[in-house]
Amino acid sequence: MPSNSQRKHTISNKVRKRRGKDIDQIHEDLKPSKAAKLLNQEIDLDLPGDGQFYCIECERYFVDEKTRADHRKTK
């Protein structure tokens, strides 16, 4: 039977695939001039929700406003 002793120090897939923003990057994005630019982006059909529903804090796009509002409640 294999033991788990070799798997104790691996990095989770969540950390490896999508690294979050650092606090100084978030603070820079929350400035009014840059925040307005990020929240009012052009339509991009390749992004979820055509790129119109963006969360500045975690750098994610959402399908609709309800999903983004539910996400912001947990922040």
N, C-alpha and C. Protein backbone atom coordinates (compact mmCIF):
# COMPACT_ATOMS: atom_id res chain seq x y z
N MET A 1 0.84 -1.19 0.00
CA MET A 1 0.00 0.00 0.00
C MET A 1 0.88 1.25 0.00
N PRO A 2 0.54 2.22 -0.83
CA PRO A 2 1.34 3.44 -0.85
C PRO A 2 1.06 4.32 0.37
N SER A 3 2.07 5.00 0.78
CA SER A 3 1.89 5.91 1.91
C SER A 3 1.78 7.34 1.39
N ASN A 4 1.27 8.21 2.21
CA ASN A 4 1.10 9.61 1.83
C ASN A 4 2.29 10.47 2.23
N SER A 5 3.38 9.86 2.64
CA SER A 5 4.50 10.64 3.12
C SER A 5 5.13 11.50 2.02
N GLN A 6 4.97 11.12 0.77
CA GLN A 6 5.58 11.89 -0.30
C GLN A 6 4.70 13.04 -0.76
N ARG A 7 3.44 13.08 -0.36
CA ARG A 7 2.51 14.10 -0.84
C ARG A 7 2.25 15.21 0.17
N LYS A 8 2.95 15.26 1.24
CA LYS A 8 2.63 16.21 2.30
C LYS A 8 3.00 17.65 1.97
N HIS A 9 3.95 17.86 1.13
CA HIS A 9 4.44 19.21 0.90
C HIS A 9 4.17 19.73 -0.51
N THR A 10 3.16 19.20 -1.16
CA THR A 10 2.86 19.68 -2.50
C THR A 10 1.98 20.92 -2.43
N ILE A 11 2.04 21.72 -3.47
CA ILE A 11 1.23 22.93 -3.56
C ILE A 11 -0.12 22.56 -4.14
N SER A 12 -1.18 23.12 -3.59
CA SER A 12 -2.51 22.81 -4.10
C SER A 12 -2.68 23.38 -5.50
N ASN A 13 -3.57 22.79 -6.27
CA ASN A 13 -3.80 23.25 -7.63
C ASN A 13 -4.36 24.66 -7.66
N LYS A 14 -5.14 25.05 -6.65
CA LYS A 14 -5.71 26.39 -6.60
C LYS A 14 -4.60 27.44 -6.56
N VAL A 15 -3.59 27.20 -5.77
CA VAL A 15 -2.48 28.14 -5.64
C VAL A 15 -1.64 28.15 -6.91
N ARG A 16 -1.45 27.02 -7.49
CA ARG A 16 -0.58 26.90 -8.65
C ARG A 16 -1.19 27.52 -9.90
N LYS A 17 -2.49 27.37 -10.11
CA LYS A 17 -3.10 27.79 -11.36
C LYS A 17 -3.45 29.27 -11.42
N ARG A 18 -3.94 29.86 -10.33
CA ARG A 18 -4.40 31.25 -10.39
C ARG A 18 -3.95 32.00 -9.14
N ARG A 19 -2.86 32.69 -9.25
CA ARG A 19 -2.34 33.45 -8.12
C ARG A 19 -3.13 34.75 -7.99
N GLY A 20 -3.48 35.11 -6.77
CA GLY A 20 -4.22 36.34 -6.53
C GLY A 20 -3.33 37.57 -6.58
N LYS A 21 -3.95 38.72 -6.53
CA LYS A 21 -3.21 39.97 -6.57
C LYS A 21 -2.67 40.30 -5.18
N ASP A 22 -1.56 41.00 -5.16
CA ASP A 22 -1.00 41.47 -3.90
C ASP A 22 -1.76 42.69 -3.43
N ILE A 23 -1.61 43.02 -2.15
CA ILE A 23 -2.39 44.10 -1.54
C ILE A 23 -2.05 45.45 -2.18
N ASP A 24 -0.81 45.66 -2.58
CA ASP A 24 -0.47 46.95 -3.20
C ASP A 24 -1.09 47.07 -4.60
N GLN A 25 -1.24 45.96 -5.31
CA GLN A 25 -1.90 45.99 -6.62
C GLN A 25 -3.39 46.28 -6.47
N ILE A 26 -4.01 45.70 -5.45
CA ILE A 26 -5.43 45.95 -5.19
C ILE A 26 -5.64 47.41 -4.82
N HIS A 27 -4.77 47.93 -3.96
CA HIS A 27 -4.87 49.32 -3.53
C HIS A 27 -4.73 50.27 -4.72
N GLU A 28 -3.83 49.96 -5.62
CA GLU A 28 -3.64 50.78 -6.83
C GLU A 28 -4.89 50.74 -7.72
N ASP A 29 -5.52 49.57 -7.84
CA ASP A 29 -6.72 49.43 -8.68
C ASP A 29 -7.94 50.10 -8.08
N LEU A 30 -7.96 50.30 -6.77
CA LEU A 30 -9.11 50.91 -6.11
C LEU A 30 -9.12 52.44 -6.20
N LYS A 31 -8.06 53.03 -6.70
CA LYS A 31 -8.06 54.48 -6.88
C LYS A 31 -9.15 54.86 -7.87
N PRO A 32 -9.84 55.98 -7.64
CA PRO A 32 -11.03 56.32 -8.44
C PRO A 32 -10.81 56.34 -9.95
N SER A 33 -9.70 56.87 -10.40
CA SER A 33 -9.49 56.95 -11.86
C SER A 33 -9.34 55.57 -12.49
N LYS A 34 -8.59 54.71 -11.83
CA LYS A 34 -8.37 53.37 -12.38
C LYS A 34 -9.59 52.47 -12.16
N ALA A 35 -10.29 52.64 -11.03
CA ALA A 35 -11.48 51.83 -10.76
C ALA A 35 -12.57 52.09 -11.78
N ALA A 36 -12.77 53.34 -12.14
CA ALA A 36 -13.79 53.67 -13.14
C ALA A 36 -13.45 53.04 -14.48
N LYS A 37 -12.18 53.03 -14.81
CA LYS A 37 -11.74 52.44 -16.07
C LYS A 37 -11.96 50.92 -16.07
N LEU A 38 -11.69 50.27 -14.93
CA LEU A 38 -11.86 48.81 -14.85
C LEU A 38 -13.32 48.40 -14.83
N LEU A 39 -14.17 49.21 -14.21
CA LEU A 39 -15.59 48.84 -14.11
C LEU A 39 -16.36 49.14 -15.40
N ASN A 40 -15.88 50.05 -16.22
CA ASN A 40 -16.56 50.41 -17.47
C ASN A 40 -15.70 50.01 -18.67
N GLN A 41 -15.47 48.73 -18.81
CA GLN A 41 -14.64 48.23 -19.90
C GLN A 41 -15.46 48.04 -21.16
N GLU A 42 -14.75 47.95 -22.27
CA GLU A 42 -15.40 47.67 -23.54
C GLU A 42 -15.91 46.23 -23.54
N ILE A 43 -16.88 45.95 -24.39
CA ILE A 43 -17.44 44.60 -24.48
C ILE A 43 -16.41 43.68 -25.14
N ASP A 44 -16.15 42.56 -24.46
CA ASP A 44 -15.23 41.55 -24.97
C ASP A 44 -15.97 40.22 -24.93
N LEU A 45 -16.30 39.68 -26.07
CA LEU A 45 -17.12 38.48 -26.15
C LEU A 45 -16.41 37.22 -25.65
N ASP A 46 -15.11 37.28 -25.46
CA ASP A 46 -14.38 36.12 -24.97
C ASP A 46 -14.43 35.98 -23.46
N LEU A 47 -14.81 37.03 -22.75
CA LEU A 47 -14.86 37.00 -21.29
C LEU A 47 -16.27 36.66 -20.80
N PRO A 48 -16.38 36.11 -19.58
CA PRO A 48 -17.71 35.85 -19.02
C PRO A 48 -18.49 37.15 -18.86
N GLY A 49 -19.76 37.12 -19.21
CA GLY A 49 -20.60 38.32 -19.11
C GLY A 49 -20.15 39.42 -20.04
N ASP A 50 -19.47 39.07 -21.10
CA ASP A 50 -18.95 40.02 -22.09
C ASP A 50 -18.00 41.05 -21.46
N GLY A 51 -17.39 40.71 -20.32
CA GLY A 51 -16.43 41.59 -19.68
C GLY A 51 -17.04 42.78 -18.96
N GLN A 52 -18.34 42.74 -18.66
CA GLN A 52 -19.01 43.90 -18.06
C GLN A 52 -19.13 43.80 -16.54
N PHE A 53 -18.95 42.64 -15.96
CA PHE A 53 -19.14 42.45 -14.52
C PHE A 53 -17.83 41.98 -13.91
N TYR A 54 -17.03 42.95 -13.46
CA TYR A 54 -15.66 42.71 -13.01
C TYR A 54 -15.53 42.99 -11.52
N CYS A 55 -14.84 42.12 -10.81
CA CYS A 55 -14.54 42.34 -9.39
C CYS A 55 -13.11 42.85 -9.30
N ILE A 56 -12.94 44.06 -8.82
CA ILE A 56 -11.61 44.68 -8.76
C ILE A 56 -10.72 43.97 -7.75
N GLU A 57 -11.27 43.59 -6.60
CA GLU A 57 -10.46 43.04 -5.53
C GLU A 57 -9.80 41.71 -5.91
N CYS A 58 -10.52 40.85 -6.63
CA CYS A 58 -9.94 39.54 -6.92
C CYS A 58 -9.67 39.31 -8.40
N GLU A 59 -9.89 40.32 -9.23
CA GLU A 59 -9.54 40.27 -10.65
C GLU A 59 -10.28 39.12 -11.36
N ARG A 60 -11.60 39.08 -11.19
CA ARG A 60 -12.43 38.05 -11.83
C ARG A 60 -13.59 38.69 -12.56
N TYR A 61 -14.02 38.04 -13.62
CA TYR A 61 -15.19 38.46 -14.37
C TYR A 61 -16.34 37.52 -14.02
N PHE A 62 -17.57 38.07 -13.94
CA PHE A 62 -18.74 37.28 -13.60
C PHE A 62 -19.76 37.33 -14.73
N VAL A 63 -20.67 36.36 -14.72
CA VAL A 63 -21.65 36.22 -15.79
C VAL A 63 -22.67 37.33 -15.77
N ASP A 64 -23.15 37.72 -14.57
CA ASP A 64 -24.16 38.77 -14.48
C ASP A 64 -23.99 39.54 -13.17
N GLU A 65 -24.78 40.58 -13.01
CA GLU A 65 -24.68 41.46 -11.84
C GLU A 65 -25.07 40.74 -10.56
N LYS A 66 -26.04 39.85 -10.62
CA LYS A 66 -26.47 39.11 -9.42
C LYS A 66 -25.33 38.24 -8.89
N THR A 67 -24.63 37.58 -9.77
CA THR A 67 -23.52 36.73 -9.36
C THR A 67 -22.40 37.58 -8.74
N ARG A 68 -22.12 38.72 -9.33
CA ARG A 68 -21.09 39.60 -8.77
C ARG A 68 -21.52 40.16 -7.42
N ALA A 69 -22.81 40.50 -7.26
CA ALA A 69 -23.31 41.01 -5.99
C ALA A 69 -23.23 39.93 -4.91
N ASP A 70 -23.57 38.70 -5.25
CA ASP A 70 -23.45 37.59 -4.29
C ASP A 70 -21.99 37.37 -3.90
N HIS A 71 -21.10 37.51 -4.85
CA HIS A 71 -19.67 37.36 -4.59
C HIS A 71 -19.17 38.46 -3.65
N ARG A 72 -19.62 39.69 -3.86
CA ARG A 72 -19.16 40.82 -3.04
C ARG A 72 -19.67 40.72 -1.61
N LYS A 73 -20.80 40.04 -1.38
CA LYS A 73 -21.29 39.85 -0.01
C LYS A 73 -20.31 39.05 0.83
N THR A 74 -19.57 38.15 0.20
CA THR A 74 -18.64 37.30 0.94
C THR A 74 -17.28 37.95 1.12
N LYS A 75 -17.04 39.10 0.52
CA LYS A 75 -15.74 39.77 0.64
C LYS A 75 -15.64 40.49 1.96
